[in-house]
């Protein structure tokens, strides 16, 4: 759980850099802060498999995988990679 704030910050940075091109409104800001809060990340850590990439300066990325849900394509695992490059 100690990594939750770091994973939350990395998630916010990755999400904003990926999806926000023309400005950020209140609805999207509230979504990002809710979905990627340290509390939400702590809950994800306890409920999912989190694989963390570590660099010399700290965490550089992570992938989330859930094994308790069927994947839409069948026979595969849904993952969400969050990488800082």
N, C-alpha and C. Protein backbone atom coordinates (compact mmCIF):
# COMPACT_ATOMS: atom_id res chain seq x y z
N UNK A 1 0.80 -1.19 0.00
CA UNK A 1 0.00 0.00 0.00
C UNK A 1 0.85 1.27 0.00
N UNK A 2 2.11 1.14 0.35
CA UNK A 2 2.99 2.31 0.38
C UNK A 2 3.18 2.91 -1.00
N UNK A 3 3.00 2.11 -2.05
CA UNK A 3 3.16 2.61 -3.42
C UNK A 3 1.91 3.30 -3.94
N UNK A 4 0.80 3.26 -3.22
CA UNK A 4 -0.46 3.82 -3.72
C UNK A 4 -0.35 5.29 -4.14
N UNK A 5 0.26 6.18 -3.35
CA UNK A 5 0.37 7.58 -3.80
C UNK A 5 1.21 7.74 -5.06
N UNK A 6 2.28 6.95 -5.18
CA UNK A 6 3.14 7.03 -6.36
C UNK A 6 2.38 6.53 -7.59
N UNK A 7 1.69 5.40 -7.45
CA UNK A 7 0.92 4.87 -8.57
C UNK A 7 -0.21 5.81 -8.95
N UNK A 8 -0.82 6.48 -7.97
CA UNK A 8 -1.88 7.45 -8.25
C UNK A 8 -1.33 8.62 -9.06
N UNK A 9 -0.21 9.17 -8.65
CA UNK A 9 0.39 10.30 -9.37
C UNK A 9 0.79 9.90 -10.79
N UNK A 10 1.38 8.73 -10.93
CA UNK A 10 1.77 8.24 -12.25
C UNK A 10 0.54 8.04 -13.13
N UNK A 11 -0.54 7.54 -12.56
CA UNK A 11 -1.78 7.32 -13.30
C UNK A 11 -2.37 8.63 -13.80
N UNK A 12 -2.40 9.63 -12.93
CA UNK A 12 -2.94 10.94 -13.31
C UNK A 12 -2.11 11.52 -14.45
N UNK A 13 -0.80 11.49 -14.31
CA UNK A 13 0.08 12.02 -15.36
C UNK A 13 -0.14 11.31 -16.68
N UNK A 14 -0.19 9.98 -16.64
CA UNK A 14 -0.36 9.20 -17.86
C UNK A 14 -1.71 9.47 -18.50
N UNK A 15 -2.77 9.48 -17.69
CA UNK A 15 -4.12 9.70 -18.22
C UNK A 15 -4.23 11.07 -18.87
N UNK A 16 -3.76 12.11 -18.17
CA UNK A 16 -3.85 13.46 -18.72
C UNK A 16 -3.05 13.60 -20.00
N UNK A 17 -1.84 13.06 -20.03
CA UNK A 17 -1.01 13.15 -21.23
C UNK A 17 -1.58 12.36 -22.40
N UNK A 18 -2.36 11.33 -22.11
CA UNK A 18 -2.95 10.50 -23.16
C UNK A 18 -4.24 11.09 -23.70
N UNK A 19 -5.11 11.56 -22.84
CA UNK A 19 -6.47 11.90 -23.25
C UNK A 19 -6.80 13.39 -23.33
N UNK A 20 -6.04 14.25 -22.71
CA UNK A 20 -6.39 15.67 -22.70
C UNK A 20 -5.55 16.40 -23.74
N UNK A 21 -6.23 16.90 -24.76
CA UNK A 21 -5.54 17.61 -25.84
C UNK A 21 -5.98 19.07 -25.95
N UNK A 22 -7.27 19.33 -25.70
CA UNK A 22 -7.80 20.67 -25.94
C UNK A 22 -8.29 21.36 -24.67
N UNK A 23 -7.87 20.89 -23.54
CA UNK A 23 -8.30 21.50 -22.28
C UNK A 23 -9.00 20.50 -21.39
N UNK A 24 -9.05 20.82 -20.12
CA UNK A 24 -9.62 19.92 -19.12
C UNK A 24 -10.78 20.62 -18.41
N UNK A 25 -11.96 20.00 -18.47
CA UNK A 25 -13.14 20.56 -17.81
C UNK A 25 -13.36 19.90 -16.46
N UNK A 26 -14.34 20.41 -15.70
CA UNK A 26 -14.57 19.90 -14.35
C UNK A 26 -15.00 18.44 -14.30
N UNK A 27 -15.76 17.97 -15.27
CA UNK A 27 -16.22 16.57 -15.26
C UNK A 27 -15.02 15.62 -15.37
N UNK A 28 -14.14 15.89 -16.31
CA UNK A 28 -12.96 15.02 -16.48
C UNK A 28 -12.00 15.17 -15.30
N UNK A 29 -11.85 16.36 -14.77
CA UNK A 29 -10.97 16.57 -13.61
C UNK A 29 -11.47 15.76 -12.42
N UNK A 30 -12.78 15.80 -12.17
CA UNK A 30 -13.34 15.03 -11.07
C UNK A 30 -13.17 13.54 -11.29
N UNK A 31 -13.35 13.09 -12.54
CA UNK A 31 -13.17 11.67 -12.87
C UNK A 31 -11.74 11.22 -12.54
N UNK A 32 -10.76 11.97 -13.03
CA UNK A 32 -9.35 11.59 -12.83
C UNK A 32 -9.00 11.58 -11.35
N UNK A 33 -9.41 12.59 -10.62
CA UNK A 33 -9.07 12.66 -9.20
C UNK A 33 -9.76 11.57 -8.39
N UNK A 34 -10.95 11.15 -8.81
CA UNK A 34 -11.67 10.08 -8.12
C UNK A 34 -11.08 8.71 -8.47
N UNK A 35 -10.91 8.43 -9.75
CA UNK A 35 -10.47 7.11 -10.20
C UNK A 35 -9.02 6.82 -9.86
N UNK A 36 -8.19 7.85 -9.80
CA UNK A 36 -6.76 7.65 -9.58
C UNK A 36 -6.29 8.27 -8.27
N UNK A 37 -7.16 8.36 -7.29
CA UNK A 37 -6.77 8.86 -5.97
C UNK A 37 -5.89 7.81 -5.27
N UNK A 38 -5.10 8.22 -4.29
CA UNK A 38 -4.33 7.23 -3.53
C UNK A 38 -5.22 6.16 -2.90
N UNK A 39 -6.42 6.53 -2.47
CA UNK A 39 -7.35 5.56 -1.88
C UNK A 39 -7.82 4.55 -2.92
N UNK A 40 -8.15 5.04 -4.12
CA UNK A 40 -8.57 4.13 -5.20
C UNK A 40 -7.44 3.21 -5.61
N UNK A 41 -6.22 3.72 -5.62
CA UNK A 41 -5.08 2.88 -5.98
C UNK A 41 -4.80 1.84 -4.89
N UNK A 42 -4.97 2.22 -3.63
CA UNK A 42 -4.79 1.25 -2.54
C UNK A 42 -5.80 0.12 -2.66
N UNK A 43 -7.03 0.46 -3.03
CA UNK A 43 -8.06 -0.56 -3.23
C UNK A 43 -7.69 -1.46 -4.41
N UNK A 44 -7.19 -0.88 -5.49
CA UNK A 44 -6.77 -1.68 -6.65
C UNK A 44 -5.63 -2.62 -6.29
N UNK A 45 -4.70 -2.14 -5.49
CA UNK A 45 -3.56 -2.97 -5.07
C UNK A 45 -4.05 -4.19 -4.31
N UNK A 46 -5.08 -4.02 -3.49
CA UNK A 46 -5.57 -5.14 -2.70
C UNK A 46 -6.46 -6.08 -3.51
N UNK A 47 -7.05 -5.61 -4.61
CA UNK A 47 -8.01 -6.42 -5.37
C UNK A 47 -7.47 -6.97 -6.69
N UNK A 48 -6.36 -6.44 -7.17
CA UNK A 48 -5.85 -6.81 -8.48
C UNK A 48 -4.38 -7.20 -8.39
N UNK A 49 -3.90 -7.78 -9.48
CA UNK A 49 -2.47 -8.04 -9.58
C UNK A 49 -1.84 -6.80 -10.21
N UNK A 50 -0.90 -6.20 -9.51
CA UNK A 50 -0.21 -5.01 -10.00
C UNK A 50 1.25 -5.38 -10.20
N UNK A 51 1.74 -5.19 -11.41
CA UNK A 51 3.16 -5.41 -11.72
C UNK A 51 3.79 -4.04 -11.90
N UNK A 52 4.83 -3.75 -11.14
CA UNK A 52 5.45 -2.43 -11.12
C UNK A 52 6.80 -2.47 -11.82
N UNK A 53 7.06 -1.46 -12.65
CA UNK A 53 8.38 -1.29 -13.27
C UNK A 53 9.14 -0.26 -12.45
N UNK A 54 10.36 -0.60 -12.09
CA UNK A 54 11.17 0.25 -11.22
C UNK A 54 12.41 0.70 -11.98
N UNK A 55 12.69 2.00 -11.93
CA UNK A 55 13.91 2.55 -12.51
C UNK A 55 14.81 3.07 -11.42
N UNK A 56 15.92 3.69 -11.80
CA UNK A 56 16.86 4.22 -10.82
C UNK A 56 16.23 5.30 -9.93
N UNK A 57 15.32 6.09 -10.50
CA UNK A 57 14.72 7.19 -9.76
C UNK A 57 13.39 6.86 -9.11
N UNK A 58 12.91 5.65 -9.26
CA UNK A 58 11.62 5.27 -8.67
C UNK A 58 10.78 4.47 -9.65
N UNK A 59 9.50 4.45 -9.39
CA UNK A 59 8.57 3.68 -10.23
C UNK A 59 8.40 4.39 -11.57
N UNK A 60 8.52 3.63 -12.65
CA UNK A 60 8.40 4.18 -13.99
C UNK A 60 7.14 3.72 -14.71
N UNK A 61 6.44 2.76 -14.16
CA UNK A 61 5.21 2.29 -14.78
C UNK A 61 4.64 1.12 -14.02
N UNK A 62 3.44 0.72 -14.42
CA UNK A 62 2.82 -0.45 -13.82
C UNK A 62 1.74 -0.98 -14.75
N UNK A 63 1.36 -2.22 -14.52
CA UNK A 63 0.26 -2.85 -15.26
C UNK A 63 -0.70 -3.45 -14.25
N UNK A 64 -1.98 -3.29 -14.52
CA UNK A 64 -3.03 -3.85 -13.65
C UNK A 64 -3.68 -5.02 -14.37
N UNK A 65 -3.89 -6.11 -13.66
CA UNK A 65 -4.57 -7.28 -14.24
C UNK A 65 -5.57 -7.82 -13.23
N UNK A 66 -6.75 -8.14 -13.71
CA UNK A 66 -7.78 -8.77 -12.87
C UNK A 66 -8.01 -10.16 -13.39
N UNK A 67 -8.00 -11.12 -12.49
CA UNK A 67 -8.20 -12.51 -12.88
C UNK A 67 -9.59 -13.02 -12.49
N UNK A 68 -10.41 -12.15 -11.90
CA UNK A 68 -11.74 -12.58 -11.46
C UNK A 68 -12.85 -12.17 -12.43
N UNK A 69 -12.48 -11.62 -13.58
CA UNK A 69 -13.46 -11.22 -14.58
C UNK A 69 -13.12 -11.87 -15.91
N UNK A 70 -14.16 -12.26 -16.64
CA UNK A 70 -13.93 -12.82 -17.97
C UNK A 70 -13.55 -11.70 -18.93
N UNK A 71 -12.56 -11.96 -19.76
CA UNK A 71 -12.14 -10.99 -20.76
C UNK A 71 -13.12 -11.01 -21.92
N UNK A 72 -13.33 -9.87 -22.58
CA UNK A 72 -14.30 -9.82 -23.66
C UNK A 72 -13.98 -10.76 -24.81
N UNK A 73 -12.70 -11.02 -25.06
CA UNK A 73 -12.29 -11.91 -26.14
C UNK A 73 -12.20 -13.36 -25.72
N UNK A 74 -12.38 -13.64 -24.45
CA UNK A 74 -12.27 -15.00 -23.94
C UNK A 74 -10.83 -15.48 -23.93
N UNK A 75 -10.45 -16.17 -22.90
CA UNK A 75 -9.13 -16.77 -22.81
C UNK A 75 -7.98 -15.80 -22.66
N UNK A 76 -8.27 -14.55 -22.37
CA UNK A 76 -7.19 -13.59 -22.18
C UNK A 76 -7.47 -12.77 -20.92
N UNK A 77 -6.49 -12.03 -20.47
CA UNK A 77 -6.61 -11.22 -19.28
C UNK A 77 -6.60 -9.76 -19.69
N UNK A 78 -7.53 -8.97 -19.17
CA UNK A 78 -7.56 -7.54 -19.46
C UNK A 78 -6.50 -6.86 -18.61
N UNK A 79 -5.64 -6.07 -19.24
CA UNK A 79 -4.61 -5.34 -18.51
C UNK A 79 -4.71 -3.87 -18.85
N UNK A 80 -4.20 -3.04 -17.95
CA UNK A 80 -4.10 -1.60 -18.17
C UNK A 80 -2.67 -1.19 -17.86
N UNK A 81 -1.85 -0.99 -18.87
CA UNK A 81 -0.49 -0.54 -18.58
C UNK A 81 -0.43 0.97 -18.39
N UNK A 82 0.33 1.43 -17.43
CA UNK A 82 0.58 2.84 -17.19
C UNK A 82 2.10 3.00 -17.16
N UNK A 83 2.64 3.60 -18.19
CA UNK A 83 4.09 3.70 -18.32
C UNK A 83 4.50 5.15 -18.51
N UNK A 84 5.60 5.50 -17.93
CA UNK A 84 6.18 6.83 -18.13
C UNK A 84 7.42 6.65 -18.98
N UNK A 85 7.38 7.21 -20.18
CA UNK A 85 8.53 7.06 -21.09
C UNK A 85 9.11 8.40 -21.44
